[in-house]
Amino acid sequence: SFPVTTFAGNIGLVRLTRVRSRWVVATAG
């Protein structure tokens, strides 16, 4: 694969949904 970085769009999704659990993102992983 290739270099990775934090996705900026995630900022908007966390703010809009108000779901602030890191375990939700871990599930996405």
PDB file of all heavy atoms in Angstrom:
ATOM      1  N   SER A   1       0.842  -1.189   0.000  1.00  0.00           N
ATOM      2  CA  SER A   1       0.000   0.000   0.000  1.00  0.00           C
ATOM      3  C   SER A   1       0.885   1.249   0.000  1.00  0.00           C
ATOM      4  O   SER A   1       2.092   1.172  -0.246  1.00  0.00           O
ATOM      5  CB  SER A   1      -0.942  -0.013   1.209  1.00  0.00           C
ATOM      6  OG  SER A   1      -1.790   1.109   1.191  1.00  0.00           O
ATOM      7  N   PHE A   2       0.290   2.402   0.346  1.00  0.00           N
ATOM      8  CA  PHE A   2       0.964   3.683   0.205  1.00  0.00           C
ATOM      9  C   PHE A   2       0.894   4.487   1.513  1.00  0.00           C
ATOM     10  O   PHE A   2       0.256   4.052   2.478  1.00  0.00           O
ATOM     11  CB  PHE A   2       0.327   4.461  -0.943  1.00  0.00           C
ATOM     12  CG  PHE A   2       0.315   3.702  -2.237  1.00  0.00           C
ATOM     13  CD1 PHE A   2      -0.877   3.399  -2.880  1.00  0.00           C
ATOM     14  CD2 PHE A   2       1.501   3.262  -2.804  1.00  0.00           C
ATOM     15  CE1 PHE A   2      -0.882   2.692  -4.076  1.00  0.00           C
ATOM     16  CE2 PHE A   2       1.512   2.552  -3.997  1.00  0.00           C
ATOM     17  CZ  PHE A   2       0.317   2.265  -4.632  1.00  0.00           C
ATOM     18  N   PRO A   3       1.518   5.678   1.583  1.00  0.00           N
ATOM     19  CA  PRO A   3       1.513   6.476   2.823  1.00  0.00           C
ATOM     20  C   PRO A   3       0.099   6.799   3.294  1.00  0.00           C
ATOM     21  O   PRO A   3      -0.805   7.025   2.482  1.00  0.00           O
ATOM     22  CB  PRO A   3       2.267   7.743   2.424  1.00  0.00           C
ATOM     23  CG  PRO A   3       3.134   7.334   1.298  1.00  0.00           C
ATOM     24  CD  PRO A   3       2.348   6.306   0.543  1.00  0.00           C
ATOM     25  N   VAL A   4      -0.087   6.829   4.600  1.00  0.00           N
ATOM     26  CA  VAL A   4      -1.396   7.129   5.179  1.00  0.00           C
ATOM     27  C   VAL A   4      -1.328   8.425   5.972  1.00  0.00           C
ATOM     28  O   VAL A   4      -0.267   8.841   6.434  1.00  0.00           O
ATOM     29  CB  VAL A   4      -1.888   5.991   6.102  1.00  0.00           C
ATOM     30  CG1 VAL A   4      -2.086   4.716   5.330  1.00  0.00           C
ATOM     31  CG2 VAL A   4      -0.919   5.765   7.260  1.00  0.00           C
ATOM     32  N   THR A   5      -2.474   9.045   6.115  1.00  0.00           N
ATOM     33  CA  THR A   5      -2.597  10.245   6.939  1.00  0.00           C
ATOM     34  C   THR A   5      -4.014  10.313   7.475  1.00  0.00           C
ATOM     35  O   THR A   5      -4.914   9.611   7.002  1.00  0.00           O
ATOM     36  CB  THR A   5      -2.274  11.509   6.127  1.00  0.00           C
ATOM     37  OG1 THR A   5      -2.216  12.637   6.999  1.00  0.00           O
ATOM     38  CG2 THR A   5      -3.352  11.769   5.083  1.00  0.00           C
ATOM     39  N   THR A   6      -4.218  11.163   8.470  1.00  0.00           N
ATOM     40  CA  THR A   6      -5.548  11.340   9.039  1.00  0.00           C
ATOM     41  C   THR A   6      -6.470  11.994   8.012  1.00  0.00           C
ATOM     42  O   THR A   6      -6.102  12.991   7.402  1.00  0.00           O
ATOM     43  CB  THR A   6      -5.469  12.214  10.307  1.00  0.00           C
ATOM     44  OG1 THR A   6      -4.591  11.584  11.241  1.00  0.00           O
ATOM     45  CG2 THR A   6      -6.834  12.383  10.934  1.00  0.00           C
ATOM     46  N   PHE A   7      -7.668  11.450   7.838  1.00  0.00           N
ATOM     47  CA  PHE A   7      -8.618  11.989   6.872  1.00  0.00           C
ATOM     48  C   PHE A   7      -9.365  13.176   7.474  1.00  0.00           C
ATOM     49  O   PHE A   7     -10.050  13.044   8.491  1.00  0.00           O
ATOM     50  CB  PHE A   7      -9.619  10.906   6.458  1.00  0.00           C
ATOM     51  CG  PHE A   7      -9.239  10.194   5.190  1.00  0.00           C
ATOM     52  CD1 PHE A   7      -7.926  10.168   4.754  1.00  0.00           C
ATOM     53  CD2 PHE A   7     -10.195   9.554   4.430  1.00  0.00           C
ATOM     54  CE1 PHE A   7      -7.572   9.508   3.586  1.00  0.00           C
ATOM     55  CE2 PHE A   7      -9.858   8.887   3.257  1.00  0.00           C
ATOM     56  CZ  PHE A   7      -8.539   8.876   2.838  1.00  0.00           C
ATOM     57  N   ALA A   8      -9.238  14.326   6.813  1.00  0.00           N
ATOM     58  CA  ALA A   8      -9.878  15.533   7.325  1.00  0.00           C
ATOM     59  C   ALA A   8     -11.400  15.424   7.336  1.00  0.00           C
ATOM     60  O   ALA A   8     -12.068  15.975   8.215  1.00  0.00           O
ATOM     61  CB  ALA A   8      -9.443  16.741   6.497  1.00  0.00           C
ATOM     62  N   GLY A   9     -11.958  14.707   6.362  1.00  0.00           N
ATOM     63  CA  GLY A   9     -13.411  14.583   6.317  1.00  0.00           C
ATOM     64  C   GLY A   9     -13.999  13.971   7.570  1.00  0.00           C
ATOM     65  O   GLY A   9     -15.160  14.216   7.913  1.00  0.00           O
ATOM     66  N   ASN A  10     -13.193  13.197   8.273  1.00  0.00           N
ATOM     67  CA  ASN A  10     -13.650  12.589   9.520  1.00  0.00           C
ATOM     68  C   ASN A  10     -14.033  13.639  10.558  1.00  0.00           C
ATOM     69  O   ASN A  10     -14.904  13.419  11.399  1.00  0.00           O
ATOM     70  CB  ASN A  10     -12.536  11.681  10.066  1.00  0.00           C
ATOM     71  CG  ASN A  10     -12.932  10.983  11.332  1.00  0.00           C
ATOM     72  OD1 ASN A  10     -13.759  10.091  11.324  1.00  0.00           O
ATOM     73  ND2 ASN A  10     -12.333  11.385  12.440  1.00  0.00           N
ATOM     74  N   ILE A  11     -13.361  14.799  10.502  1.00  0.00           N
ATOM     75  CA  ILE A  11     -13.683  15.896  11.432  1.00  0.00           C
ATOM     76  C   ILE A  11     -15.156  16.262  11.282  1.00  0.00           C
ATOM     77  O   ILE A  11     -15.899  16.377  12.264  1.00  0.00           O
ATOM     78  CB  ILE A  11     -12.808  17.127  11.135  1.00  0.00           C
ATOM     79  CG1 ILE A  11     -11.321  16.787  11.245  1.00  0.00           C
ATOM     80  CG2 ILE A  11     -13.172  18.282  12.069  1.00  0.00           C
ATOM     81  CD1 ILE A  11     -10.419  17.861  10.695  1.00  0.00           C
ATOM     82  N   GLY A  12     -15.570  16.465  10.031  1.00  0.00           N
ATOM     83  CA  GLY A  12     -16.952  16.854   9.789  1.00  0.00           C
ATOM     84  C   GLY A  12     -17.946  15.803  10.220  1.00  0.00           C
ATOM     85  O   GLY A  12     -18.997  16.122  10.779  1.00  0.00           O
ATOM     86  N   LEU A  13     -17.615  14.535   9.984  1.00  0.00           N
ATOM     87  CA  LEU A  13     -18.549  13.463  10.342  1.00  0.00           C
ATOM     88  C   LEU A  13     -18.719  13.357  11.854  1.00  0.00           C
ATOM     89  O   LEU A  13     -19.843  13.212  12.354  1.00  0.00           O
ATOM     90  CB  LEU A  13     -18.064  12.134   9.766  1.00  0.00           C
ATOM     91  CG  LEU A  13     -19.024  10.948   9.919  1.00  0.00           C
ATOM     92  CD1 LEU A  13     -20.373  11.261   9.280  1.00  0.00           C
ATOM     93  CD2 LEU A  13     -18.437   9.688   9.293  1.00  0.00           C
ATOM     94  N   VAL A  14     -17.627  13.438  12.596  1.00  0.00           N
ATOM     95  CA  VAL A  14     -17.712  13.366  14.061  1.00  0.00           C
ATOM     96  C   VAL A  14     -18.515  14.542  14.593  1.00  0.00           C
ATOM     97  O   VAL A  14     -19.341  14.396  15.498  1.00  0.00           O
ATOM     98  CB  VAL A  14     -16.304  13.336  14.686  1.00  0.00           C
ATOM     99  CG1 VAL A  14     -16.391  13.406  16.210  1.00  0.00           C
ATOM    100  CG2 VAL A  14     -15.567  12.072  14.277  1.00  0.00           C
ATOM    101  N   ARG A  15     -18.290  15.722  14.024  1.00  0.00           N
ATOM    102  CA  ARG A  15     -19.010  16.909  14.500  1.00  0.00           C
ATOM    103  C   ARG A  15     -20.496  16.851  14.150  1.00  0.00           C
ATOM    104  O   ARG A  15     -21.350  17.173  14.976  1.00  0.00           O
ATOM    105  CB  ARG A  15     -18.378  18.165  13.889  1.00  0.00           C
ATOM    106  CG  ARG A  15     -19.063  19.472  14.319  1.00  0.00           C
ATOM    107  CD  ARG A  15     -18.924  19.688  15.817  1.00  0.00           C
ATOM    108  NE  ARG A  15     -19.645  20.875  16.256  1.00  0.00           N
ATOM    109  CZ  ARG A  15     -20.932  20.884  16.572  1.00  0.00           C
ATOM    110  NH1 ARG A  15     -21.652  19.765  16.494  1.00  0.00           N
ATOM    111  NH2 ARG A  15     -21.514  21.994  16.970  1.00  0.00           N
ATOM    112  N   LEU A  16     -20.821  16.435  12.922  1.00  0.00           N
ATOM    113  CA  LEU A  16     -22.219  16.397  12.494  1.00  0.00           C
ATOM    114  C   LEU A  16     -23.018  15.336  13.240  1.00  0.00           C
ATOM    115  O   LEU A  16     -24.153  15.575  13.651  1.00  0.00           O
ATOM    116  CB  LEU A  16     -22.299  16.126  10.989  1.00  0.00           C
ATOM    117  CG  LEU A  16     -22.221  17.324  10.047  1.00  0.00           C
ATOM    118  CD1 LEU A  16     -22.263  16.849   8.604  1.00  0.00           C
ATOM    119  CD2 LEU A  16     -23.347  18.311  10.307  1.00  0.00           C
ATOM    120  N   THR A  17     -22.431  14.159  13.412  1.00  0.00           N
ATOM    121  CA  THR A  17     -23.163  13.056  14.033  1.00  0.00           C
ATOM    122  C   THR A  17     -23.170  13.144  15.551  1.00  0.00           C
ATOM    123  O   THR A  17     -24.004  12.521  16.203  1.00  0.00           O
ATOM    124  CB  THR A  17     -22.555  11.703  13.639  1.00  0.00           C
ATOM    125  OG1 THR A  17     -21.201  11.633  14.110  1.00  0.00           O
ATOM    126  CG2 THR A  17     -22.567  11.532  12.128  1.00  0.00           C
ATOM    127  N   ARG A  18     -22.216  13.874  16.111  1.00  0.00           N
ATOM    128  CA  ARG A  18     -22.046  13.992  17.567  1.00  0.00           C
ATOM    129  C   ARG A  18     -21.710  12.642  18.207  1.00  0.00           C
ATOM    130  O   ARG A  18     -21.874  12.459  19.403  1.00  0.00           O
ATOM    131  CB  ARG A  18     -23.304  14.592  18.221  1.00  0.00           C
ATOM    132  CG  ARG A  18     -23.725  15.911  17.640  1.00  0.00           C
ATOM    133  CD  ARG A  18     -24.972  16.472  18.317  1.00  0.00           C
ATOM    134  NE  ARG A  18     -26.117  15.570  18.243  1.00  0.00           N
ATOM    135  CZ  ARG A  18     -26.871  15.424  17.162  1.00  0.00           C
ATOM    136  NH1 ARG A  18     -26.625  16.098  16.072  1.00  0.00           N
ATOM    137  NH2 ARG A  18     -27.902  14.599  17.165  1.00  0.00           N
ATOM    138  N   VAL A  19     -21.256  11.690  17.384  1.00  0.00           N
ATOM    139  CA  VAL A  19     -20.819  10.392  17.888  1.00  0.00           C
ATOM    140  C   VAL A  19     -19.310  10.483  18.083  1.00  0.00           C
ATOM    141  O   VAL A  19     -18.551  10.471  17.120  1.00  0.00           O
ATOM    142  CB  VAL A  19     -21.171   9.261  16.906  1.00  0.00           C
ATOM    143  CG1 VAL A  19     -20.666   7.925  17.444  1.00  0.00           C
ATOM    144  CG2 VAL A  19     -22.681   9.204  16.696  1.00  0.00           C
ATOM    145  N   ARG A  20     -18.870  10.571  19.329  1.00  0.00           N
ATOM    146  CA  ARG A  20     -17.480  10.909  19.605  1.00  0.00           C
ATOM    147  C   ARG A  20     -16.670   9.720  20.122  1.00  0.00           C
ATOM    148  O   ARG A  20     -15.574   9.887  20.610  1.00  0.00           O
ATOM    149  CB  ARG A  20     -17.426  12.058  20.616  1.00  0.00           C
ATOM    150  CG  ARG A  20     -18.301  13.243  20.205  1.00  0.00           C
ATOM    151  CD  ARG A  20     -18.097  14.454  21.061  1.00  0.00           C
ATOM    152  NE  ARG A  20     -18.455  14.235  22.449  1.00  0.00           N
ATOM    153  CZ  ARG A  20     -18.337  15.153  23.404  1.00  0.00           C
ATOM    154  NH1 ARG A  20     -17.851  16.328  23.113  1.00  0.00           N
ATOM    155  NH2 ARG A  20     -18.687  14.881  24.640  1.00  0.00           N
ATOM    156  N   SER A  21     -17.210   8.526  19.972  1.00  0.00           N
ATOM    157  CA  SER A  21     -16.526   7.331  20.465  1.00  0.00           C
ATOM    158  C   SER A  21     -15.433   6.891  19.502  1.00  0.00           C
ATOM    159  O   SER A  21     -15.689   6.682  18.312  1.00  0.00           O
ATOM    160  CB  SER A  21     -17.536   6.193  20.646  1.00  0.00           C
ATOM    161  OG  SER A  21     -16.861   4.973  20.868  1.00  0.00           O
ATOM    162  N   ARG A  22     -14.232   6.723  20.007  1.00  0.00           N
ATOM    163  CA  ARG A  22     -13.143   6.232  19.153  1.00  0.00           C
ATOM    164  C   ARG A  22     -13.370   4.769  18.771  1.00  0.00           C
ATOM    165  O   ARG A  22     -12.809   4.283  17.786  1.00  0.00           O
ATOM    166  CB  ARG A  22     -11.796   6.411  19.840  1.00  0.00           C
ATOM    167  CG  ARG A  22     -11.626   5.645  21.149  1.00  0.00           C
ATOM    168  CD  ARG A  22     -10.348   6.101  21.852  1.00  0.00           C
ATOM    169  NE  ARG A  22     -10.202   5.503  23.177  1.00  0.00           N
ATOM    170  CZ  ARG A  22      -9.255   4.630  23.503  1.00  0.00           C
ATOM    171  NH1 ARG A  22      -8.368   4.258  22.605  1.00  0.00           N
ATOM    172  NH2 ARG A  22      -9.178   4.156  24.723  1.00  0.00           N
ATOM    173  N   TRP A  23     -14.182   4.064  19.555  1.00  0.00           N
ATOM    174  CA  TRP A  23     -14.442   2.661  19.247  1.00  0.00           C
ATOM    175  C   TRP A  23     -15.320   2.511  18.008  1.00  0.00           C
ATOM    176  O   TRP A  23     -15.297   1.478  17.337  1.00  0.00           O
ATOM    177  CB  TRP A  23     -15.066   1.971  20.458  1.00  0.00           C
ATOM    178  CG  TRP A  23     -14.158   2.057  21.638  1.00  0.00           C
ATOM    179  CD1 TRP A  23     -14.314   2.839  22.749  1.00  0.00           C
ATOM    180  CD2 TRP A  23     -12.912   1.366  21.808  1.00  0.00           C
ATOM    181  NE1 TRP A  23     -13.248   2.676  23.594  1.00  0.00           N
ATOM    182  CE2 TRP A  23     -12.369   1.774  23.054  1.00  0.00           C
ATOM    183  CE3 TRP A  23     -12.214   0.449  21.039  1.00  0.00           C
ATOM    184  CZ2 TRP A  23     -11.161   1.293  23.529  1.00  0.00           C
ATOM    185  CZ3 TRP A  23     -11.001  -0.033  21.519  1.00  0.00           C
ATOM    186  CH2 TRP A  23     -10.496   0.387  22.752  1.00  0.00           C
ATOM    187  N   VAL A  24     -16.095   3.541  17.692  1.00  0.00           N
ATOM    188  CA  VAL A  24     -16.850   3.537  16.437  1.00  0.00           C
ATOM    189  C   VAL A  24     -15.881   3.548  15.254  1.00  0.00           C
ATOM    190  O   VAL A  24     -16.036   2.803  14.282  1.00  0.00           O
ATOM    191  CB  VAL A  24     -17.791   4.755  16.378  1.00  0.00           C
ATOM    192  CG1 VAL A  24     -18.305   4.978  14.951  1.00  0.00           C
ATOM    193  CG2 VAL A  24     -18.964   4.570  17.325  1.00  0.00           C
ATOM    194  N   VAL A  25     -14.864   4.399  15.340  1.00  0.00           N
ATOM    195  CA  VAL A  25     -13.873   4.470  14.265  1.00  0.00           C
ATOM    196  C   VAL A  25     -13.047   3.179  14.228  1.00  0.00           C
ATOM    197  O   VAL A  25     -12.665   2.711  13.154  1.00  0.00           O
ATOM    198  CB  VAL A  25     -12.974   5.704  14.446  1.00  0.00           C
ATOM    199  CG1 VAL A  25     -11.933   5.776  13.337  1.00  0.00           C
ATOM    200  CG2 VAL A  25     -13.818   6.973  14.451  1.00  0.00           C
ATOM    201  N   ALA A  26     -12.784   2.616  15.400  1.00  0.00           N
ATOM    202  CA  ALA A  26     -12.079   1.328  15.429  1.00  0.00           C
ATOM    203  C   ALA A  26     -12.893   0.262  14.699  1.00  0.00           C
ATOM    204  O   ALA A  26     -12.339  -0.583  13.982  1.00  0.00           O
ATOM    205  CB  ALA A  26     -11.819   0.909  16.872  1.00  0.00           C
ATOM    206  N   THR A  27     -14.219   0.302  14.869  1.00  0.00           N
ATOM    207  CA  THR A  27     -15.089  -0.637  14.151  1.00  0.00           C
ATOM    208  C   THR A  27     -14.970  -0.435  12.647  1.00  0.00           C
ATOM    209  O   THR A  27     -14.929  -1.405  11.872  1.00  0.00           O
ATOM    210  CB  THR A  27     -16.552  -0.445  14.593  1.00  0.00           C
ATOM    211  OG1 THR A  27     -16.646  -0.615  16.014  1.00  0.00           O
ATOM    212  CG2 THR A  27     -17.463  -1.446  13.913  1.00  0.00           C
ATOM    213  N   ALA A  28     -14.902   0.838  12.221  1.00  0.00           N
ATOM    214  CA  ALA A  28     -14.697   1.123  10.800  1.00  0.00           C
ATOM    215  C   ALA A  28     -13.371   0.537  10.330  1.00  0.00           C
ATOM    216  O   ALA A  28     -13.271   0.016   9.211  1.00  0.00           O
ATOM    217  CB  ALA A  28     -14.733   2.629  10.553  1.00  0.00           C
ATOM    218  N   GLY A  29     -12.347   0.618  11.189  1.00  0.00           N
ATOM    219  CA  GLY A  29     -11.051   0.031  10.851  1.00  0.00           C
ATOM    220  C   GLY A  29     -11.140  -1.477  10.663  1.00  0.00           C
ATOM    221  O   GLY A  29     -10.525  -2.040   9.745  1.00  0.00           O
TER     222      GLY A  29
END
